[in-house]
């Protein structure tokens, strides 16, 4: 399930650092309205699912163990423009 989130600007750098260094998360940052429109046009969520970054394809097999049953590092999409 994709998770859309954007941290308050005063905490942005600290939270990003925790997510990337402690959790090994990959961040997709949609910082402008144009970025959000481009993601919609390119069908970002479907593309990520086809590449097994989200959805059933990101779930763990018996041989791979990483991040609570996922076989890929967590993926977080951030944007102040998605509500």
C-alpha atoms as a PDB file:
ATOM      1  CA  UNK A   1       0.000   0.000   0.000  1.00  0.00           C
ATOM      2  CA  UNK A   2       1.569   3.307  -0.988  1.00  0.00           C
ATOM      3  CA  UNK A   3       1.988   5.741   1.837  1.00  0.00           C
ATOM      4  CA  UNK A   4       1.821   9.451   1.077  1.00  0.00           C
ATOM      5  CA  UNK A   5       3.392  11.701   3.680  1.00  0.00           C
ATOM      6  CA  UNK A   6       5.099  15.039   4.100  1.00  0.00           C
ATOM      7  CA  UNK A   7       6.856  16.159   7.254  1.00  0.00           C
ATOM      8  CA  UNK A   8       6.556  19.677   8.656  1.00  0.00           C
ATOM      9  CA  UNK A   9       9.305  21.883   7.232  1.00  0.00           C
ATOM     10  CA  UNK A  10      10.996  22.487  10.590  1.00  0.00           C
ATOM     11  CA  UNK A  11      11.603  18.745  11.021  1.00  0.00           C
ATOM     12  CA  UNK A  12      12.150  17.824   7.379  1.00  0.00           C
ATOM     13  CA  UNK A  13      15.918  17.254   7.320  1.00  0.00           C
ATOM     14  CA  UNK A  14      16.008  15.329  10.603  1.00  0.00           C
ATOM     15  CA  UNK A  15      13.114  13.044   9.662  1.00  0.00           C
ATOM     16  CA  UNK A  16      14.531  12.373   6.181  1.00  0.00           C
ATOM     17  CA  UNK A  17      17.883  11.470   7.716  1.00  0.00           C
ATOM     18  CA  UNK A  18      16.248   9.023  10.147  1.00  0.00           C
ATOM     19  CA  UNK A  19      14.192   7.427   7.383  1.00  0.00           C
ATOM     20  CA  UNK A  20      17.130   6.995   5.021  1.00  0.00           C
ATOM     21  CA  UNK A  21      19.897   6.098   7.475  1.00  0.00           C
ATOM     22  CA  UNK A  22      18.073   4.184  10.217  1.00  0.00           C
ATOM     23  CA  UNK A  23      15.388   2.491   8.134  1.00  0.00           C
ATOM     24  CA  UNK A  24      17.133   2.424   4.767  1.00  0.00           C
ATOM     25  CA  UNK A  25      14.042   3.940   3.174  1.00  0.00           C
ATOM     26  CA  UNK A  26      13.931   5.214  -0.379  1.00  0.00           C
ATOM     27  CA  UNK A  27      12.218   8.602  -0.648  1.00  0.00           C
ATOM     28  CA  UNK A  28      10.254   9.798  -3.660  1.00  0.00           C
ATOM     29  CA  UNK A  29       9.862  13.531  -3.166  1.00  0.00           C
ATOM     30  CA  UNK A  30       7.123  15.337  -5.064  1.00  0.00           C
ATOM     31  CA  UNK A  31       7.891  18.847  -3.858  1.00  0.00           C
ATOM     32  CA  UNK A  32       6.013  20.891  -6.464  1.00  0.00           C
ATOM     33  CA  UNK A  33       2.584  20.767  -8.036  1.00  0.00           C
ATOM     34  CA  UNK A  34       4.368  20.033 -11.323  1.00  0.00           C
ATOM     35  CA  UNK A  35       6.057  16.996  -9.740  1.00  0.00           C
ATOM     36  CA  UNK A  36       2.664  15.679  -8.607  1.00  0.00           C
ATOM     37  CA  UNK A  37       1.143  16.229 -12.053  1.00  0.00           C
ATOM     38  CA  UNK A  38       4.096  14.478 -13.715  1.00  0.00           C
ATOM     39  CA  UNK A  39       3.755  11.526 -11.306  1.00  0.00           C
ATOM     40  CA  UNK A  40       0.067  11.261 -12.217  1.00  0.00           C
ATOM     41  CA  UNK A  41       0.808  11.522 -15.949  1.00  0.00           C
ATOM     42  CA  UNK A  42       3.518   8.857 -15.730  1.00  0.00           C
ATOM     43  CA  UNK A  43       1.292   6.707 -13.481  1.00  0.00           C
ATOM     44  CA  UNK A  44       3.964   6.503 -10.791  1.00  0.00           C
ATOM     45  CA  UNK A  45       2.113   4.060  -8.522  1.00  0.00           C
ATOM     46  CA  UNK A  46       1.515   1.537 -11.313  1.00  0.00           C
ATOM     47  CA  UNK A  47       5.142   1.827 -12.403  1.00  0.00           C
ATOM     48  CA  UNK A  48       6.364   1.176  -8.871  1.00  0.00           C
ATOM     49  CA  UNK A  49       4.068  -1.822  -8.594  1.00  0.00           C
ATOM     50  CA  UNK A  50       5.272  -3.246 -11.926  1.00  0.00           C
ATOM     51  CA  UNK A  51       8.847  -2.982 -10.628  1.00  0.00           C
ATOM     52  CA  UNK A  52       7.842  -4.790  -7.417  1.00  0.00           C
ATOM     53  CA  UNK A  53       8.636  -1.755  -5.259  1.00  0.00           C
ATOM     54  CA  UNK A  54       5.116  -1.708  -3.792  1.00  0.00           C
ATOM     55  CA  UNK A  55       2.220  -4.145  -3.682  1.00  0.00           C
ATOM     56  CA  UNK A  56       2.312  -7.936  -3.646  1.00  0.00           C
ATOM     57  CA  UNK A  57       5.620  -8.061  -5.531  1.00  0.00           C
ATOM     58  CA  UNK A  58       7.386  -6.271  -2.677  1.00  0.00           C
ATOM     59  CA  UNK A  59       6.385  -8.944  -0.198  1.00  0.00           C
ATOM     60  CA  UNK A  60       8.950 -11.304   1.147  1.00  0.00           C
ATOM     61  CA  UNK A  61       9.720 -14.758  -0.130  1.00  0.00           C
ATOM     62  CA  UNK A  62      10.955 -17.396   2.305  1.00  0.00           C
ATOM     63  CA  UNK A  63      14.582 -16.802   1.273  1.00  0.00           C
ATOM     64  CA  UNK A  64      14.698 -13.020   1.574  1.00  0.00           C
ATOM     65  CA  UNK A  65      14.141 -11.240   4.869  1.00  0.00           C
ATOM     66  CA  UNK A  66      14.110  -7.466   5.064  1.00  0.00           C
ATOM     67  CA  UNK A  67      11.902  -4.833   6.684  1.00  0.00           C
ATOM     68  CA  UNK A  68       8.917  -6.661   8.184  1.00  0.00           C
ATOM     69  CA  UNK A  69       8.250  -9.082   5.348  1.00  0.00           C
ATOM     70  CA  UNK A  70       9.185  -6.835   2.454  1.00  0.00           C
ATOM     71  CA  UNK A  71      12.093  -7.847   0.277  1.00  0.00           C
ATOM     72  CA  UNK A  72      12.859  -4.253  -0.665  1.00  0.00           C
ATOM     73  CA  UNK A  73      13.745  -1.297   1.483  1.00  0.00           C
ATOM     74  CA  UNK A  74      10.743   0.825   2.474  1.00  0.00           C
ATOM     75  CA  UNK A  75       9.505   3.335  -0.086  1.00  0.00           C
ATOM     76  CA  UNK A  76       7.989   6.603   1.076  1.00  0.00           C
ATOM     77  CA  UNK A  77       6.373   9.131  -1.231  1.00  0.00           C
ATOM     78  CA  UNK A  78       6.434  12.626   0.247  1.00  0.00           C
ATOM     79  CA  UNK A  79       4.630  15.734  -0.920  1.00  0.00           C
ATOM     80  CA  UNK A  80       3.133  18.840   0.626  1.00  0.00           C
ATOM     81  CA  UNK A  81       0.619  18.856  -2.252  1.00  0.00           C
ATOM     82  CA  UNK A  82      -1.064  15.463  -1.772  1.00  0.00           C
ATOM     83  CA  UNK A  83      -3.919  15.414   0.711  1.00  0.00           C
END
